[in-house]
């Protein structure tokens, strides 16, 4: 399938002139940007701590305990808060997670991961804003569930969110 060059009509709001936008060129530049990011100090830091964590026997041991605690909680969660072990199982997950997060290797890894994620979000935001001030950009927080399809409220105007 051949990639067809596209042009932006000069009559589009905000368009200065008709500019060829070859998809191949855009993809090439995106890969170049990805290579720059991979060679950055942030990416090096992330890769370093990821490798350290993968070799940390104590982190592996605690991660196995965390998986077991999460399995136990998932069993309890099937029956909801009325399961007699629900609160105890949830507290156990939090305790083992805190123990894992307290390891130096895991702490450094999570910091490096968060910093790299923030950089990627900033780049996504800059690219999106270069296209349009109103284009939707993920907020960079994997824990937040906002917008269409996530049960949150958004301002897309579709009427499907509350």
Protein backbone atom coordinates (compact mmCIF):
# COMPACT_ATOMS: atom_id res chain seq x y z
CA UNK A 1 0.00 0.00 0.00
CA UNK A 2 1.54 3.27 -1.08
CA UNK A 3 1.63 6.17 1.33
CA UNK A 4 0.04 9.19 -0.26
CA UNK A 5 1.32 12.65 0.59
CA UNK A 6 -1.33 14.86 2.13
CA UNK A 7 -1.59 18.60 2.08
CA UNK A 8 -3.25 20.93 4.49
CA UNK A 9 -5.69 23.21 2.68
CA UNK A 10 -4.72 26.84 3.05
CA UNK A 11 -8.34 27.60 3.96
CA UNK A 12 -8.08 25.56 7.20
CA UNK A 13 -8.11 27.72 10.32
CA UNK A 14 -4.56 28.26 11.51
CA UNK A 15 -2.96 26.93 8.30
CA UNK A 16 -0.33 29.28 6.93
CA UNK A 17 -0.04 27.60 3.55
CA UNK A 18 -0.43 24.20 1.94
CA UNK A 19 2.34 22.07 3.46
CA UNK A 20 3.01 18.53 2.26
CA UNK A 21 2.72 16.09 5.17
CA UNK A 22 4.21 12.84 3.94
CA UNK A 23 3.31 10.07 6.39
CA UNK A 24 6.63 8.37 5.75
CA UNK A 25 8.47 11.56 6.73
CA UNK A 26 6.37 11.91 9.88
CA UNK A 27 7.05 8.32 10.90
CA UNK A 28 10.75 8.74 10.19
CA UNK A 29 10.90 11.79 12.43
CA UNK A 30 8.94 9.99 15.15
CA UNK A 31 11.44 7.13 15.10
CA UNK A 32 14.30 9.64 15.22
CA UNK A 33 12.73 11.27 18.26
CA UNK A 34 12.30 7.83 19.84
CA UNK A 35 15.99 7.11 19.25
CA UNK A 36 16.95 10.40 20.90
CA UNK A 37 14.82 9.52 23.91
CA UNK A 38 16.32 6.02 24.12
CA UNK A 39 19.81 7.55 24.19
CA UNK A 40 18.88 10.08 26.90
CA UNK A 41 20.22 10.05 30.44
CA UNK A 42 16.68 9.42 31.72
CA UNK A 43 16.29 6.31 29.59
CA UNK A 44 19.74 5.10 30.67
CA UNK A 45 18.81 5.60 34.32
CA UNK A 46 15.53 3.71 33.81
CA UNK A 47 17.26 0.80 32.03
CA UNK A 48 19.97 0.64 34.70
CA UNK A 49 17.54 0.41 37.63
CA UNK A 50 15.27 -1.98 35.75
CA UNK A 51 18.22 -4.32 35.35
CA UNK A 52 19.20 -3.92 39.02
CA UNK A 53 15.64 -4.78 40.13
CA UNK A 54 15.54 -7.81 37.82
CA UNK A 55 18.69 -9.14 39.55
CA UNK A 56 17.59 -8.31 43.10
CA UNK A 57 16.75 -11.61 44.80
CA UNK A 58 14.99 -9.90 47.70
CA UNK A 59 12.82 -7.92 45.28
CA UNK A 60 11.90 -11.18 43.51
CA UNK A 61 11.04 -12.84 46.82
CA UNK A 62 8.84 -9.95 47.94
CA UNK A 63 7.25 -9.72 44.48
CA UNK A 64 6.21 -13.40 44.79
CA UNK A 65 4.70 -12.66 48.21
CA UNK A 66 2.91 -9.65 46.72
CA UNK A 67 1.49 -11.78 43.90
CA UNK A 68 0.23 -14.31 46.45
CA UNK A 69 -1.31 -11.54 48.57
CA UNK A 70 -3.02 -10.09 45.48
CA UNK A 71 -4.38 -13.53 44.57
CA UNK A 72 -5.79 -13.95 48.08
CA UNK A 73 -7.37 -10.49 47.89
CA UNK A 74 -8.84 -11.24 44.44
CA UNK A 75 -10.49 -14.33 45.98
CA UNK A 76 -12.00 -12.21 48.73
CA UNK A 77 -12.97 -9.44 46.35
CA UNK A 78 -15.19 -11.79 44.38
CA UNK A 79 -17.54 -11.71 47.37
CA UNK A 80 -16.98 -8.03 48.12
CA UNK A 81 -16.47 -6.30 51.43
CA UNK A 82 -18.66 -8.86 53.15
CA UNK A 83 -16.02 -11.59 52.84
CA UNK A 84 -14.67 -12.18 56.37
CA UNK A 85 -11.03 -11.85 55.19
CA UNK A 86 -11.54 -8.89 52.84
CA UNK A 87 -9.97 -6.16 55.02
CA UNK A 88 -7.17 -8.41 56.23
CA UNK A 89 -6.31 -9.46 52.66
CA UNK A 90 -6.35 -5.83 51.47
CA UNK A 91 -4.14 -4.74 54.37
CA UNK A 92 -1.73 -7.56 53.52
CA UNK A 93 -1.46 -6.36 49.89
CA UNK A 94 -0.70 -2.82 51.08
CA UNK A 95 1.87 -4.05 53.62
CA UNK A 96 3.75 -6.25 51.15
CA UNK A 97 3.60 -3.49 48.49
CA UNK A 98 5.09 -1.03 51.00
CA UNK A 99 7.82 -3.55 51.80
CA UNK A 100 8.64 -3.91 48.10
CA UNK A 101 8.55 -0.13 47.55
CA UNK A 102 10.93 0.27 50.51
CA UNK A 103 13.73 -1.58 48.74
CA UNK A 104 16.38 0.81 47.44
CA UNK A 105 16.49 -0.79 43.98
CA UNK A 106 12.71 -0.65 43.57
CA UNK A 107 12.52 2.91 44.88
CA UNK A 108 15.17 4.12 42.42
CA UNK A 109 13.53 2.18 39.58
CA UNK A 110 10.10 3.70 40.27
CA UNK A 111 11.60 7.19 40.41
CA UNK A 112 13.39 6.67 37.08
CA UNK A 113 10.23 5.18 35.56
CA UNK A 114 8.10 8.11 36.73
CA UNK A 115 10.60 10.68 35.38
CA UNK A 116 10.75 8.96 31.98
CA UNK A 117 6.96 8.71 31.89
CA UNK A 118 6.69 12.44 32.65
CA UNK A 119 9.13 13.23 29.81
CA UNK A 120 7.10 11.11 27.38
CA UNK A 121 3.92 12.83 28.49
CA UNK A 122 5.47 16.28 28.03
CA UNK A 123 6.55 15.32 24.51
CA UNK A 124 3.09 13.94 23.71
CA UNK A 125 1.53 17.13 25.04
CA UNK A 126 3.88 19.34 22.97
CA UNK A 127 3.17 17.37 19.80
CA UNK A 128 -0.57 17.44 20.41
CA UNK A 129 -0.60 21.20 21.09
CA UNK A 130 1.42 21.79 17.92
CA UNK A 131 -1.46 20.15 16.05
CA UNK A 132 -4.36 21.73 17.96
CA UNK A 133 -5.04 23.45 21.27
CA UNK A 134 -8.16 21.32 21.72
CA UNK A 135 -6.78 17.88 20.90
CA UNK A 136 -7.12 15.38 23.73
CA UNK A 137 -3.92 14.26 25.43
CA UNK A 138 -3.74 11.56 28.11
CA UNK A 139 -2.97 13.16 31.46
CA UNK A 140 0.07 10.97 32.07
CA UNK A 141 -1.34 9.48 35.28
CA UNK A 142 -2.06 5.77 34.78
CA UNK A 143 -3.97 5.77 38.06
CA UNK A 144 -6.51 8.31 36.97
CA UNK A 145 -9.53 7.09 35.08
CA UNK A 146 -11.08 10.11 33.45
CA UNK A 147 -12.80 10.75 30.21
CA UNK A 148 -14.88 8.71 27.83
CA UNK A 149 -14.81 4.98 28.32
CA UNK A 150 -13.34 5.17 31.80
CA UNK A 151 -16.42 6.06 33.78
CA UNK A 152 -15.18 9.56 34.52
CA UNK A 153 -16.41 12.87 33.34
CA UNK A 154 -15.00 14.61 30.34
CA UNK A 155 -15.80 17.64 28.30
CA UNK A 156 -15.93 16.03 24.89
CA UNK A 157 -19.55 17.00 24.41
CA UNK A 158 -20.67 13.50 23.41
CA UNK A 159 -23.17 13.39 26.23
CA UNK A 160 -21.94 9.95 27.25
CA UNK A 161 -20.00 11.09 30.30
CA UNK A 162 -21.41 12.27 33.55
